[in-house]
PDB file of N, CA and C in Angstrom:
ATOM      1  N   MET A   1       0.838  -1.175   0.000  1.00  0.00           N
ATOM      2  CA  MET A   1       0.000   0.000   0.000  1.00  0.00           C
ATOM      3  C   MET A   1       0.889   1.247   0.000  1.00  0.00           C
ATOM      4  N   VAL A   2       0.527   2.223  -0.794  1.00  0.00           N
ATOM      5  CA  VAL A   2       1.279   3.459  -0.917  1.00  0.00           C
ATOM      6  C   VAL A   2       0.886   4.396   0.225  1.00  0.00           C
ATOM      7  N   GLY A   3       1.851   5.165   0.729  1.00  0.00           N
ATOM      8  CA  GLY A   3       1.604   6.078   1.836  1.00  0.00           C
ATOM      9  C   GLY A   3       1.231   7.472   1.377  1.00  0.00           C
ATOM     10  N   PHE A   4       1.530   8.435   2.225  1.00  0.00           N
ATOM     11  CA  PHE A   4       1.194   9.833   1.975  1.00  0.00           C
ATOM     12  C   PHE A   4       2.434  10.697   2.138  1.00  0.00           C
ATOM     13  N   PHE A   5       2.413  11.860   1.520  1.00  0.00           N
ATOM     14  CA  PHE A   5       3.469  12.849   1.717  1.00  0.00           C
ATOM     15  C   PHE A   5       2.951  13.912   2.676  1.00  0.00           C
ATOM     16  N   ARG A   6       3.825  14.308   3.598  1.00  0.00           N
ATOM     17  CA  ARG A   6       3.468  15.327   4.574  1.00  0.00           C
ATOM     18  C   ARG A   6       4.589  16.359   4.623  1.00  0.00           C
ATOM     19  N   LEU A   7       4.228  17.578   4.982  1.00  0.00           N
ATOM     20  CA  LEU A   7       5.246  18.597   5.184  1.00  0.00           C
ATOM     21  C   LEU A   7       6.116  18.201   6.376  1.00  0.00           C
ATOM     22  N   LYS A   8       7.429  18.361   6.235  1.00  0.00           N
ATOM     23  CA  LYS A   8       8.348  18.009   7.314  1.00  0.00           C
ATOM     24  C   LYS A   8       8.268  18.983   8.479  1.00  0.00           C
ATOM     25  N   SER A   9       7.871  20.201   8.202  1.00  0.00           N
ATOM     26  CA  SER A   9       7.919  21.243   9.221  1.00  0.00           C
ATOM     27  C   SER A   9       6.574  21.944   9.349  1.00  0.00           C
ATOM     28  N   GLY A  10       6.238  22.297  10.584  1.00  0.00           N
ATOM     29  CA  GLY A  10       5.041  23.085  10.840  1.00  0.00           C
ATOM     30  C   GLY A  10       5.317  24.572  10.822  1.00  0.00           C
ATOM     31  N   ALA A  11       6.574  24.955  10.663  1.00  0.00           N
ATOM     32  CA  ALA A  11       6.946  26.375  10.668  1.00  0.00           C
ATOM     33  C   ALA A  11       6.537  27.037   9.361  1.00  0.00           C
ATOM     34  N   LEU A  12       5.872  28.184   9.454  1.00  0.00           N
ATOM     35  CA  LEU A  12       5.415  28.877   8.255  1.00  0.00           C
ATOM     36  C   LEU A  12       6.561  29.236   7.329  1.00  0.00           C
ATOM     37  N   VAL A  13       7.708  29.603   7.881  1.00  0.00           N
ATOM     38  CA  VAL A  13       8.845  29.979   7.022  1.00  0.00           C
ATOM     39  C   VAL A  13       9.299  28.780   6.186  1.00  0.00           C
ATOM     40  N   ASP A  14       9.317  27.594   6.769  1.00  0.00           N
ATOM     41  CA  ASP A  14       9.695  26.391   6.021  1.00  0.00           C
ATOM     42  C   ASP A  14       8.646  26.059   4.965  1.00  0.00           C
ATOM     43  N   GLN A  15       7.377  26.212   5.316  1.00  0.00           N
ATOM     44  CA  GLN A  15       6.310  25.930   4.361  1.00  0.00           C
ATOM     45  C   GLN A  15       6.320  26.947   3.226  1.00  0.00           C
ATOM     46  N   ARG A  16       6.663  28.187   3.533  1.00  0.00           N
ATOM     47  CA  ARG A  16       6.787  29.198   2.476  1.00  0.00           C
ATOM     48  C   ARG A  16       7.909  28.802   1.518  1.00  0.00           C
ATOM     49  N   ASN A  17       9.033  28.331   2.062  1.00  0.00           N
ATOM     50  CA  ASN A  17      10.146  27.888   1.214  1.00  0.00           C
ATOM     51  C   ASN A  17       9.722  26.723   0.323  1.00  0.00           C
ATOM     52  N   THR A  18       8.927  25.805   0.869  1.00  0.00           N
ATOM     53  CA  THR A  18       8.413  24.687   0.074  1.00  0.00           C
ATOM     54  C   THR A  18       7.519  25.201  -1.044  1.00  0.00           C
ATOM     55  N   GLY A  19       6.630  26.119  -0.711  1.00  0.00           N
ATOM     56  CA  GLY A  19       5.751  26.710  -1.722  1.00  0.00           C
ATOM     57  C   GLY A  19       6.521  27.421  -2.816  1.00  0.00           C
ATOM     58  N   GLU A  20       7.578  28.119  -2.432  1.00  0.00           N
ATOM     59  CA  GLU A  20       8.404  28.816  -3.422  1.00  0.00           C
ATOM     60  C   GLU A  20       9.118  27.822  -4.335  1.00  0.00           C
ATOM     61  N   ALA A  21       9.533  26.672  -3.789  1.00  0.00           N
ATOM     62  CA  ALA A  21      10.144  25.631  -4.626  1.00  0.00           C
ATOM     63  C   ALA A  21       9.124  25.095  -5.636  1.00  0.00           C
ATOM     64  N   ILE A  22       7.880  24.941  -5.202  1.00  0.00           N
ATOM     65  CA  ILE A  22       6.830  24.468  -6.100  1.00  0.00           C
ATOM     66  C   ILE A  22       6.580  25.493  -7.204  1.00  0.00           C
ATOM     67  N   ILE A  23       6.575  26.779  -6.852  1.00  0.00           N
ATOM     68  CA  ILE A  23       6.385  27.828  -7.851  1.00  0.00           C
ATOM     69  C   ILE A  23       7.508  27.783  -8.888  1.00  0.00           C
ATOM     70  N   ARG A  24       8.745  27.599  -8.416  1.00  0.00           N
ATOM     71  CA  ARG A  24       9.875  27.485  -9.365  1.00  0.00           C
ATOM     72  C   ARG A  24       9.680  26.266 -10.265  1.00  0.00           C
ATOM     73  N   LEU A  25       9.206  25.165  -9.690  1.00  0.00           N
ATOM     74  CA  LEU A  25       8.954  23.954 -10.472  1.00  0.00           C
ATOM     75  C   LEU A  25       7.879  24.215 -11.523  1.00  0.00           C
ATOM     76  N   MET A  26       6.778  24.813 -11.116  1.00  0.00           N
ATOM     77  CA  MET A  26       5.671  25.083 -12.037  1.00  0.00           C
ATOM     78  C   MET A  26       6.120  25.967 -13.201  1.00  0.00           C
ATOM     79  N   ARG A  27       6.945  26.967 -12.899  1.00  0.00           N
ATOM     80  CA  ARG A  27       7.404  27.891 -13.938  1.00  0.00           C
ATOM     81  C   ARG A  27       8.411  27.245 -14.881  1.00  0.00           C
ATOM     82  N   SER A  28       9.039  26.155 -14.451  1.00  0.00           N
ATOM     83  CA  SER A  28      10.094  25.561 -15.275  1.00  0.00           C
ATOM     84  C   SER A  28       9.667  24.298 -16.021  1.00  0.00           C
ATOM     85  N   VAL A  29       8.386  23.920 -15.903  1.00  0.00           N
ATOM     86  CA  VAL A  29       7.927  22.695 -16.566  1.00  0.00           C
ATOM     87  C   VAL A  29       8.306  22.739 -18.045  1.00  0.00           C
ATOM     88  N   GLY A  30       8.944  21.668 -18.496  1.00  0.00           N
ATOM     89  CA  GLY A  30       9.376  21.559 -19.884  1.00  0.00           C
ATOM     90  C   GLY A  30      10.799  22.036 -20.114  1.00  0.00           C
ATOM     91  N   ASP A  31      11.374  22.741 -19.137  1.00  0.00           N
ATOM     92  CA  ASP A  31      12.753  23.227 -19.259  1.00  0.00           C
ATOM     93  C   ASP A  31      13.696  22.092 -18.868  1.00  0.00           C
ATOM     94  N   GLU A  32      14.291  21.481 -19.870  1.00  0.00           N
ATOM     95  CA  GLU A  32      15.159  20.320 -19.637  1.00  0.00           C
ATOM     96  C   GLU A  32      16.612  20.721 -19.401  1.00  0.00           C
ATOM     97  N   SER A  33      16.899  22.008 -19.327  1.00  0.00           N
ATOM     98  CA  SER A  33      18.289  22.443 -19.159  1.00  0.00           C
ATOM     99  C   SER A  33      18.802  22.116 -17.754  1.00  0.00           C
ATOM    100  N   ALA A  34      20.109  21.926 -17.669  1.00  0.00           N
ATOM    101  CA  ALA A  34      20.738  21.623 -16.387  1.00  0.00           C
ATOM    102  C   ALA A  34      20.442  22.741 -15.400  1.00  0.00           C
ATOM    103  N   GLY A  35      20.095  22.371 -14.181  1.00  0.00           N
ATOM    104  CA  GLY A  35      19.839  23.353 -13.143  1.00  0.00           C
ATOM    105  C   GLY A  35      18.389  23.786 -13.027  1.00  0.00           C
ATOM    106  N   SER A  36      17.525  23.386 -13.977  1.00  0.00           N
ATOM    107  CA  SER A  36      16.120  23.781 -13.858  1.00  0.00           C
ATOM    108  C   SER A  36      15.427  22.895 -12.822  1.00  0.00           C
ATOM    109  N   GLU A  37      14.430  23.456 -12.158  1.00  0.00           N
ATOM    110  CA  GLU A  37      13.659  22.679 -11.177  1.00  0.00           C
ATOM    111  C   GLU A  37      12.992  21.489 -11.859  1.00  0.00           C
ATOM    112  N   TRP A  38      12.464  21.712 -13.065  1.00  0.00           N
ATOM    113  CA  TRP A  38      11.787  20.640 -13.777  1.00  0.00           C
ATOM    114  C   TRP A  38      12.743  19.488 -14.080  1.00  0.00           C
ATOM    115  N   ALA A  39      13.944  19.797 -14.551  1.00  0.00           N
ATOM    116  CA  ALA A  39      14.912  18.744 -14.859  1.00  0.00           C
ATOM    117  C   ALA A  39      15.251  17.946 -13.602  1.00  0.00           C
ATOM    118  N   ALA A  40      15.423  18.638 -12.482  1.00  0.00           N
ATOM    119  CA  ALA A  40      15.733  17.957 -11.218  1.00  0.00           C
ATOM    120  C   ALA A  40      14.553  17.104 -10.756  1.00  0.00           C
ATOM    121  N   PHE A  41      13.353  17.645 -10.861  1.00  0.00           N
ATOM    122  CA  PHE A  41      12.156  16.912 -10.444  1.00  0.00           C
ATOM    123  C   PHE A  41      11.924  15.685 -11.316  1.00  0.00           C
ATOM    124  N   LYS A  42      12.028  15.873 -12.617  1.00  0.00           N
ATOM    125  CA  LYS A  42      11.791  14.775 -13.551  1.00  0.00           C
ATOM    126  C   LYS A  42      12.829  13.669 -13.384  1.00  0.00           C
ATOM    127  N   ALA A  43      14.078  14.046 -13.134  1.00  0.00           N
ATOM    128  CA  ALA A  43      15.147  13.061 -12.977  1.00  0.00           C
ATOM    129  C   ALA A  43      14.984  12.241 -11.696  1.00  0.00           C
ATOM    130  N   ASP A  44      14.519  12.874 -10.620  1.00  0.00           N
ATOM    131  CA  ASP A  44      14.410  12.174  -9.338  1.00  0.00           C
ATOM    132  C   ASP A  44      13.356  12.856  -8.466  1.00  0.00           C
ATOM    133  N   PRO A  45      12.059  12.570  -8.723  1.00  0.00           N
ATOM    134  CA  PRO A  45      11.006  13.247  -7.965  1.00  0.00           C
ATOM    135  C   PRO A  45      11.061  12.960  -6.469  1.00  0.00           C
ATOM    136  N   LYS A  46      11.528  11.784  -6.082  1.00  0.00           N
ATOM    137  CA  LYS A  46      11.608  11.447  -4.653  1.00  0.00           C
ATOM    138  C   LYS A  46      12.565  12.394  -3.935  1.00  0.00           C
ATOM    139  N   THR A  47      13.747  12.572  -4.500  1.00  0.00           N
ATOM    140  CA  THR A  47      14.737  13.456  -3.878  1.00  0.00           C
ATOM    141  C   THR A  47      14.272  14.903  -3.917  1.00  0.00           C
ATOM    142  N   TRP A  48      13.677  15.321  -5.038  1.00  0.00           N
ATOM    143  CA  TRP A  48      13.213  16.702  -5.142  1.00  0.00           C
ATOM    144  C   TRP A  48      12.178  17.001  -4.060  1.00  0.00           C
ATOM    145  N   LEU A  49      11.193  16.107  -3.896  1.00  0.00           N
ATOM    146  CA  LEU A  49      10.151  16.317  -2.886  1.00  0.00           C
ATOM    147  C   LEU A  49      10.745  16.359  -1.480  1.00  0.00           C
ATOM    148  N   PHE A  50      11.689  15.478  -1.202  1.00  0.00           N
ATOM    149  CA  PHE A  50      12.317  15.446   0.119  1.00  0.00           C
ATOM    150  C   PHE A  50      13.078  16.744   0.382  1.00  0.00           C
ATOM    151  N   LYS A  51      13.861  17.184  -0.602  1.00  0.00           N
ATOM    152  CA  LYS A  51      14.619  18.432  -0.443  1.00  0.00           C
ATOM    153  C   LYS A  51      13.703  19.649  -0.363  1.00  0.00           C
ATOM    154  N   ALA A  52      12.546  19.572  -1.013  1.00  0.00           N
ATOM    155  CA  ALA A  52      11.606  20.694  -1.016  1.00  0.00           C
ATOM    156  C   ALA A  52      10.847  20.820   0.305  1.00  0.00           C
ATOM    157  N   GLY A  53      10.908  19.781   1.144  1.00  0.00           N
ATOM    158  CA  GLY A  53      10.277  19.897   2.456  1.00  0.00           C
ATOM    159  C   GLY A  53       9.204  18.884   2.765  1.00  0.00           C
ATOM    160  N   TYR A  54       9.132  17.808   1.994  1.00  0.00           N
ATOM    161  CA  TYR A  54       8.144  16.769   2.247  1.00  0.00           C
ATOM    162  C   TYR A  54       8.816  15.509   2.775  1.00  0.00           C
ATOM    163  N   SER A  55       8.079  14.771   3.599  1.00  0.00           N
ATOM    164  CA  SER A  55       8.533  13.449   4.017  1.00  0.00           C
ATOM    165  C   SER A  55       7.442  12.457   3.634  1.00  0.00           C
ATOM    166  N   TYR A  56       7.866  11.232   3.442  1.00  0.00           N
ATOM    167  CA  TYR A  56       6.954  10.164   3.046  1.00  0.00           C
ATOM    168  C   TYR A  56       6.540   9.411   4.291  1.00  0.00           C
ATOM    169  N   ASP A  57       5.239   9.214   4.445  1.00  0.00           N
ATOM    170  CA  ASP A  57       4.691   8.486   5.582  1.00  0.00           C
ATOM    171  C   ASP A  57       3.974   7.267   5.026  1.00  0.00           C
ATOM    172  N   GLY A  58       4.683   6.155   5.005  1.00  0.00           N
ATOM    173  CA  GLY A  58       4.091   4.945   4.458  1.00  0.00           C
ATOM    174  C   GLY A  58       5.012   3.766   4.649  1.00  0.00           C
ATOM    175  N   PRO A  59       4.583   2.597   4.227  1.00  0.00           N
ATOM    176  CA  PRO A  59       5.392   1.388   4.380  1.00  0.00           C
ATOM    177  C   PRO A  59       6.756   1.545   3.719  1.00  0.00           C
ATOM    178  N   GLY A  60       7.803   1.179   4.441  1.00  0.00           N
ATOM    179  CA  GLY A  60       9.155   1.206   3.903  1.00  0.00           C
ATOM    180  C   GLY A  60       9.820   2.560   3.917  1.00  0.00           C
ATOM    181  N   ALA A  61       9.174   3.562   4.501  1.00  0.00           N
ATOM    182  CA  ALA A  61       9.764   4.909   4.538  1.00  0.00           C
ATOM    183  C   ALA A  61      11.099   4.877   5.268  1.00  0.00           C
ATOM    184  N   GLY A  62      12.040   5.702   4.799  1.00  0.00           N
ATOM    185  CA  GLY A  62      13.328   5.820   5.458  1.00  0.00           C
ATOM    186  C   GLY A  62      13.183   6.490   6.816  1.00  0.00           C
ATOM    187  N   PRO A  63      14.239   6.487   7.614  1.00  0.00           N
ATOM    188  CA  PRO A  63      14.166   7.037   8.969  1.00  0.00           C
ATOM    189  C   PRO A  63      13.823   8.528   9.026  1.00  0.00           C
ATOM    190  N   ASN A  64      14.095   9.250   7.952  1.00  0.00           N
ATOM    191  CA  ASN A  64      13.776  10.680   7.908  1.00  0.00           C
ATOM    192  C   ASN A  64      12.618  10.978   6.962  1.00  0.00           C
ATOM    193  N   GLY A  65      11.907   9.927   6.549  1.00  0.00           N
ATOM    194  CA  GLY A  65      10.776  10.104   5.642  1.00  0.00           C
ATOM    195  C   GLY A  65      11.139   9.997   4.184  1.00  0.00           C
ATOM    196  N   GLU A  66      12.245   9.343   3.881  1.00  0.00           N
ATOM    197  CA  GLU A  66      12.627   9.138   2.485  1.00  0.00           C
ATOM    198  C   GLU A  66      11.665   8.131   1.837  1.00  0.00           C
ATOM    199  N   VAL A  67      11.434   8.303   0.547  1.00  0.00           N
ATOM    200  CA  VAL A  67      10.545   7.417  -0.204  1.00  0.00           C
ATOM    201  C   VAL A  67      11.297   6.125  -0.516  1.00  0.00           C
ATOM    202  N   PRO A  68      10.690   4.973  -0.239  1.00  0.00           N
ATOM    203  CA  PRO A  68      11.372   3.709  -0.529  1.00  0.00           C
ATOM    204  C   PRO A  68      11.545   3.475  -2.031  1.00  0.00           C
ATOM    205  N   ALA A  69      12.513   2.646  -2.357  1.00  0.00           N
ATOM    206  CA  ALA A  69      12.853   2.373  -3.758  1.00  0.00           C
ATOM    207  C   ALA A  69      11.700   1.720  -4.516  1.00  0.00           C
ATOM    208  N   ASP A  70      10.835   0.965  -3.828  1.00  0.00           N
ATOM    209  CA  ASP A  70       9.773   0.252  -4.541  1.00  0.00           C
ATOM    210  C   ASP A  70       8.527   1.108  -4.804  1.00  0.00           C
ATOM    211  N   VAL A  71       8.546   2.384  -4.418  1.00  0.00           N
ATOM    212  CA  VAL A  71       7.433   3.299  -4.721  1.00  0.00           C
ATOM    213  C   VAL A  71       7.801   4.089  -5.969  1.00  0.00           C
ATOM    214  N   THR A  72       6.922   4.086  -6.941  1.00  0.00           N
ATOM    215  CA  THR A  72       7.150   4.798  -8.194  1.00  0.00           C
ATOM    216  C   THR A  72       6.363   6.099  -8.193  1.00  0.00           C
ATOM    217  N   LEU A  73       7.039   7.199  -8.497  1.00  0.00           N
ATOM    218  CA  LEU A  73       6.387   8.496  -8.639  1.00  0.00           C
ATOM    219  C   LEU A  73       6.427   8.891 -10.109  1.00  0.00           C
ATOM    220  N   ILE A  74       5.300   9.318 -10.653  1.00  0.00           N
ATOM    221  CA  ILE A  74       5.209   9.661 -12.063  1.00  0.00           C
ATOM    222  C   ILE A  74       4.824  11.137 -12.186  1.00  0.00           C
ATOM    223  N   PRO A  75       5.745  11.983 -12.633  1.00  0.00           N
ATOM    224  CA  PRO A  75       5.411  13.398 -12.813  1.00  0.00           C
ATOM    225  C   PRO A  75       4.401  13.604 -13.947  1.00  0.00           C
ATOM    226  N   VAL A  76       3.342  14.329 -13.658  1.00  0.00           N
ATOM    227  CA  VAL A  76       2.385  14.757 -14.674  1.00  0.00           C
ATOM    228  C   VAL A  76       2.122  16.242 -14.452  1.00  0.00           C
ATOM    229  N   CYS A  77       1.781  16.943 -15.500  1.00  0.00           N
ATOM    230  CA  CYS A  77       1.549  18.387 -15.396  1.00  0.00           C
ATOM    231  C   CYS A  77       0.259  18.756 -16.090  1.00  0.00           C
ATOM    232  N   ASP A  78      -0.538  19.573 -15.417  1.00  0.00           N
ATOM    233  CA  ASP A  78      -1.704  20.146 -16.065  1.00  0.00           C
ATOM    234  C   ASP A  78      -1.229  21.255 -16.998  1.00  0.00           C
ATOM    235  N   THR A  79      -2.032  21.559 -17.992  1.00  0.00           N
ATOM    236  CA  THR A  79      -1.767  22.693 -18.873  1.00  0.00           C
ATOM    237  C   THR A  79      -3.014  23.571 -18.875  1.00  0.00           C
ATOM    238  N   GLU A  80      -2.983  24.601 -19.675  1.00  0.00           N
ATOM    239  CA  GLU A  80      -4.115  25.521 -19.730  1.00  0.00           C
ATOM    240  C   GLU A  80      -5.416  24.811 -20.094  1.00  0.00           C
ATOM    241  N   ASP A  81      -5.319  23.777 -20.930  1.00  0.00           N
ATOM    242  CA  ASP A  81      -6.539  23.087 -21.353  1.00  0.00           C
ATOM    243  C   ASP A  81      -6.522  21.581 -21.088  1.00  0.00           C
ATOM    244  N   THR A  82      -5.610  21.139 -20.214  1.00  0.00           N
ATOM    245  CA  THR A  82      -5.539  19.718 -19.853  1.00  0.00           C
ATOM    246  C   THR A  82      -5.410  19.581 -18.343  1.00  0.00           C
ATOM    247  N   MET A  83      -6.290  18.784 -17.760  1.00  0.00           N
ATOM    248  CA  MET A  83      -6.213  18.536 -16.330  1.00  0.00           C
ATOM    249  C   MET A  83      -6.201  17.023 -16.114  1.00  0.00           C
ATOM    250  N   HIS A  84      -5.282  16.560 -15.310  1.00  0.00           N
ATOM    251  CA  HIS A  84      -5.204  15.137 -14.995  1.00  0.00           C
ATOM    252  C   HIS A  84      -6.159  14.833 -13.842  1.00  0.00           C
ATOM    253  N   VAL A  85      -6.974  13.824 -14.017  1.00  0.00           N
ATOM    254  CA  VAL A  85      -7.908  13.410 -12.983  1.00  0.00           C
ATOM    255  C   VAL A  85      -7.353  12.146 -12.361  1.00  0.00           C
ATOM    256  N   ARG A  86      -7.030  12.225 -11.100  1.00  0.00           N
ATOM    257  CA  ARG A  86      -6.388  11.112 -10.406  1.00  0.00           C
ATOM    258  C   ARG A  86      -7.430  10.269  -9.690  1.00  0.00           C
ATOM    259  N   ILE A  87      -7.419   8.992  -9.954  1.00  0.00           N
ATOM    260  CA  ILE A  87      -8.306   8.056  -9.276  1.00  0.00           C
ATOM    261  C   ILE A  87      -7.470   7.342  -8.215  1.00  0.00           C
ATOM    262  N   PRO A  88      -7.793   7.508  -6.937  1.00  0.00           N
ATOM    263  CA  PRO A  88      -6.997   6.858  -5.891  1.00  0.00           C
ATOM    264  C   PRO A  88      -7.057   5.335  -6.004  1.00  0.00           C
ATOM    265  N   TRP A  89      -6.024   4.706  -5.492  1.00  0.00           N
ATOM    266  CA  TRP A  89      -5.966   3.251  -5.443  1.00  0.00           C
ATOM    267  C   TRP A  89      -7.026   2.753  -4.469  1.00  0.00           C
ATOM    268  N   LYS A  90      -7.725   1.686  -4.801  1.00  0.00           N
ATOM    269  CA  LYS A  90      -8.834   1.183  -3.991  1.00  0.00           C
ATOM    270  C   LYS A  90      -8.420   0.804  -2.572  1.00  0.00           C
ATOM    271  N   GLY A  91      -7.149   0.502  -2.356  1.00  0.00           N
ATOM    272  CA  GLY A  91      -6.684   0.115  -1.025  1.00  0.00           C
ATOM    273  C   GLY A  91      -6.786   1.216   0.014  1.00  0.00           C
ATOM    274  N   VAL A  92      -6.847   2.476  -0.416  1.00  0.00           N
ATOM    275  CA  VAL A  92      -6.961   3.553   0.578  1.00  0.00           C
ATOM    276  C   VAL A  92      -8.317   3.527   1.269  1.00  0.00           C
ATOM    277  N   LEU A  93      -9.271   2.808   0.712  1.00  0.00           N
ATOM    278  CA  LEU A  93     -10.583   2.695   1.343  1.00  0.00           C
ATOM    279  C   LEU A  93     -10.582   1.718   2.515  1.00  0.00           C
ATOM    280  N   ASP A  94      -9.571   0.849   2.576  1.00  0.00           N
ATOM    281  CA  ASP A  94      -9.505  -0.141   3.648  1.00  0.00           C
ATOM    282  C   ASP A  94      -9.316   0.508   5.013  1.00  0.00           C
ATOM    283  N   VAL A  95      -8.438   1.498   5.087  1.00  0.00           N
ATOM    284  CA  VAL A  95      -8.170   2.200   6.338  1.00  0.00           C
ATOM    285  C   VAL A  95      -8.127   3.701   6.021  1.00  0.00           C
ATOM    286  N   PRO A  96      -9.288   4.353   5.958  1.00  0.00           N
ATOM    287  CA  PRO A  96      -9.296   5.778   5.628  1.00  0.00           C
ATOM    288  C   PRO A  96      -8.529   6.597   6.664  1.00  0.00           C
ATOM    289  N   HIS A  97      -7.820   7.609   6.181  1.00  0.00           N
ATOM    290  CA  HIS A  97      -7.068   8.479   7.070  1.00  0.00           C
ATOM    291  C   HIS A  97      -7.967   9.555   7.647  1.00  0.00           C
ATOM    292  N   GLU A  98      -7.706   9.907   8.901  1.00  0.00           N
ATOM    293  CA  GLU A  98      -8.461  10.967   9.556  1.00  0.00           C
ATOM    294  C   GLU A  98      -8.125  12.316   8.915  1.00  0.00           C
ATOM    295  N   VAL A  99      -9.116  13.144   8.725  1.00  0.00           N
ATOM    296  CA  VAL A  99      -8.907  14.482   8.182  1.00  0.00           C
ATOM    297  C   VAL A  99      -8.853  15.455   9.360  1.00  0.00           C
ATOM    298  N   LEU A 100      -7.745  16.142   9.489  1.00  0.00           N
ATOM    299  CA  LEU A 100      -7.556  17.067  10.605  1.00  0.00           C
ATOM    300  C   LEU A 100      -7.923  18.479  10.191  1.00  0.00           C
ATOM    301  N   ASP A 101      -8.280  19.303  11.182  1.00  0.00           N
ATOM    302  CA  ASP A 101      -8.534  20.710  10.902  1.00  0.00           C
ATOM    303  C   ASP A 101      -7.266  21.345  10.363  1.00  0.00           C
ATOM    304  N   GLU A 102      -7.413  22.233   9.401  1.00  0.00           N
ATOM    305  CA  GLU A 102      -6.275  22.903   8.779  1.00  0.00           C
ATOM    306  C   GLU A 102      -5.802  24.050   9.661  1.00  0.00           C
ATOM    307  N   PRO A 103      -4.512  24.095   9.997  1.00  0.00           N
ATOM    308  CA  PRO A 103      -3.997  25.235  10.759  1.00  0.00           C
ATOM    309  C   PRO A 103      -3.974  26.491   9.895  1.00  0.00           C
ATOM    310  N   THR A 104      -3.725  27.608  10.510  1.00  0.00           N
ATOM    311  CA  THR A 104      -3.723  28.878   9.799  1.00  0.00           C
ATOM    312  C   THR A 104      -2.655  28.903   8.711  1.00  0.00           C
ATOM    313  N   TYR A 105      -2.895  29.667   7.673  1.00  0.00           N
ATOM    314  CA  TYR A 105      -1.922  29.851   6.605  1.00  0.00           C
ATOM    315  C   TYR A 105      -1.001  31.015   6.893  1.00  0.00           C
ATOM    316  N   GLY A 106      -1.157  31.669   8.036  1.00  0.00           N
ATOM    317  CA  GLY A 106      -0.331  32.820   8.356  1.00  0.00           C
ATOM    318  C   GLY A 106      -1.012  34.108   7.939  1.00  0.00           C
ATOM    319  N   ALA A 107      -0.341  35.186   8.195  1.00  0.00           N
ATOM    320  CA  ALA A 107      -0.895  36.519   7.921  1.00  0.00           C
ATOM    321  C   ALA A 107      -1.169  36.703   6.435  1.00  0.00           C
ATOM    322  N   PRO A 108      -2.195  37.489   6.107  1.00  0.00           N
ATOM    323  CA  PRO A 108      -2.456  37.787   4.697  1.00  0.00           C
ATOM    324  C   PRO A 108      -1.255  38.492   4.077  1.00  0.00           C
ATOM    325  N   GLY A 109      -1.122  38.372   2.796  1.00  0.00           N
ATOM    326  CA  GLY A 109      -0.026  39.041   2.115  1.00  0.00           C
ATOM    327  C   GLY A 109       0.705  38.103   1.185  1.00  0.00           C
ATOM    328  N   PRO A 110       1.851  38.547   0.663  1.00  0.00           N
ATOM    329  CA  PRO A 110       2.570  37.776  -0.353  1.00  0.00           C
ATOM    330  C   PRO A 110       3.148  36.463   0.163  1.00  0.00           C
ATOM    331  N   ASN A 111       3.317  36.320   1.472  1.00  0.00           N
ATOM    332  CA  ASN A 111       3.880  35.083   2.008  1.00  0.00           C
ATOM    333  C   ASN A 111       2.830  33.996   2.200  1.00  0.00           C
ATOM    334  N   ARG A 112       1.568  34.357   2.086  1.00  0.00           N
ATOM    335  CA  ARG A 112       0.500  33.404   2.342  1.00  0.00           C
ATOM    336  C   ARG A 112       0.368  32.369   1.237  1.00  0.00           C
ATOM    337  N   PHE A 113       0.433  32.781  -0.030  1.00  0.00           N
ATOM    338  CA  PHE A 113       0.210  31.862  -1.140  1.00  0.00           C
ATOM    339  C   PHE A 113       1.208  30.704  -1.162  1.00  0.00           C
ATOM    340  N   PRO A 114       2.520  30.942  -1.005  1.00  0.00           N
ATOM    341  CA  PRO A 114       3.431  29.796  -1.024  1.00  0.00           C
ATOM    342  C   PRO A 114       3.132  28.770   0.077  1.00  0.00           C
ATOM    343  N   VAL A 115       2.687  29.235   1.249  1.00  0.00           N
ATOM    344  CA  VAL A 115       2.341  28.306   2.334  1.00  0.00           C
ATOM    345  C   VAL A 115       1.122  27.482   1.936  1.00  0.00           C
ATOM    346  N   LEU A 116       0.119  28.142   1.389  1.00  0.00           N
ATOM    347  CA  LEU A 116      -1.073  27.445   0.919  1.00  0.00           C
ATOM    348  C   LEU A 116      -0.704  26.411  -0.140  1.00  0.00           C
ATOM    349  N   LEU A 117       0.149  26.792  -1.068  1.00  0.00           N
ATOM    350  CA  LEU A 117       0.570  25.892  -2.134  1.00  0.00           C
ATOM    351  C   LEU A 117       1.348  24.698  -1.575  1.00  0.00           C
ATOM    352  N   ALA A 118       2.223  24.952  -0.617  1.00  0.00           N
ATOM    353  CA  ALA A 118       3.001  23.865  -0.012  1.00  0.00           C
ATOM    354  C   ALA A 118       2.086  22.838   0.645  1.00  0.00           C
ATOM    355  N   ARG A 119       1.052  23.301   1.324  1.00  0.00           N
ATOM    356  CA  ARG A 119       0.130  22.383   2.007  1.00  0.00           C
ATOM    357  C   ARG A 119      -0.786  21.670   1.029  1.00  0.00           C
ATOM    358  N   TYR A 120      -1.148  22.336  -0.048  1.00  0.00           N
ATOM    359  CA  TYR A 120      -2.097  21.791  -1.002  1.00  0.00           C
ATOM    360  C   TYR A 120      -1.448  20.858  -2.017  1.00  0.00           C
ATOM    361  N   PHE A 121      -0.203  21.125  -2.381  1.00  0.00           N
ATOM    362  CA  PHE A 121       0.463  20.443  -3.486  1.00  0.00           C
ATOM    363  C   PHE A 121       0.410  18.927  -3.367  1.00  0.00           C
ATOM    364  N   MET A 122       0.943  18.361  -2.327  1.00  0.00           N
ATOM    365  CA  MET A 122       0.983  16.908  -2.220  1.00  0.00           C
ATOM    366  C   MET A 122      -0.359  16.334  -1.780  1.00  0.00           C
ATOM    367  N   ARG A 123      -1.190  17.129  -1.131  1.00  0.00           N
ATOM    368  CA  ARG A 123      -2.515  16.643  -0.777  1.00  0.00           C
ATOM    369  C   ARG A 123      -3.289  16.336  -2.050  1.00  0.00           C
ATOM    370  N   LYS A 124      -3.149  17.190  -3.038  1.00  0.00           N
ATOM    371  CA  LYS A 124      -3.832  16.965  -4.303  1.00  0.00           C
ATOM    372  C   LYS A 124      -3.251  15.735  -5.009  1.00  0.00           C
ATOM    373  N   CYS A 125      -1.948  15.520  -4.836  1.00  0.00           N
ATOM    374  CA  CYS A 125      -1.315  14.366  -5.491  1.00  0.00           C
ATOM    375  C   CYS A 125      -1.668  13.065  -4.793  1.00  0.00           C
ATOM    376  N   ARG A 126      -1.840  13.102  -3.481  1.00  0.00           N
ATOM    377  CA  ARG A 126      -2.096  11.874  -2.734  1.00  0.00           C
ATOM    378  C   ARG A 126      -2.991  12.165  -1.554  1.00  0.00           C
TER     379      ARG A 126
END
């Protein structure tokens, strides 16, 4: 059974940094040049997610939340007129996860969106 990705830190500054990494990734989709976020993500999504501030919570996870070798991550990207619809694996119905109240996103302003994106990004994926 596949696990879930969670933010490693509850600190807003760390979550903002994660959100900013996601924004860089989104802006670089299709850029295969060395040093682009997309090239790094496409080459090794497990490492990119871990470095961006996520840990894996599931069977076989490493001691710091590393994704095990037997879990496959497949990068997909929405476009202006294409949206991927993800159908969860039926096994997640066996033991549904509790949904917790969402903590604050922090003060309004330019720092709020990256935090929101950091929390939403992997939730939408898994």
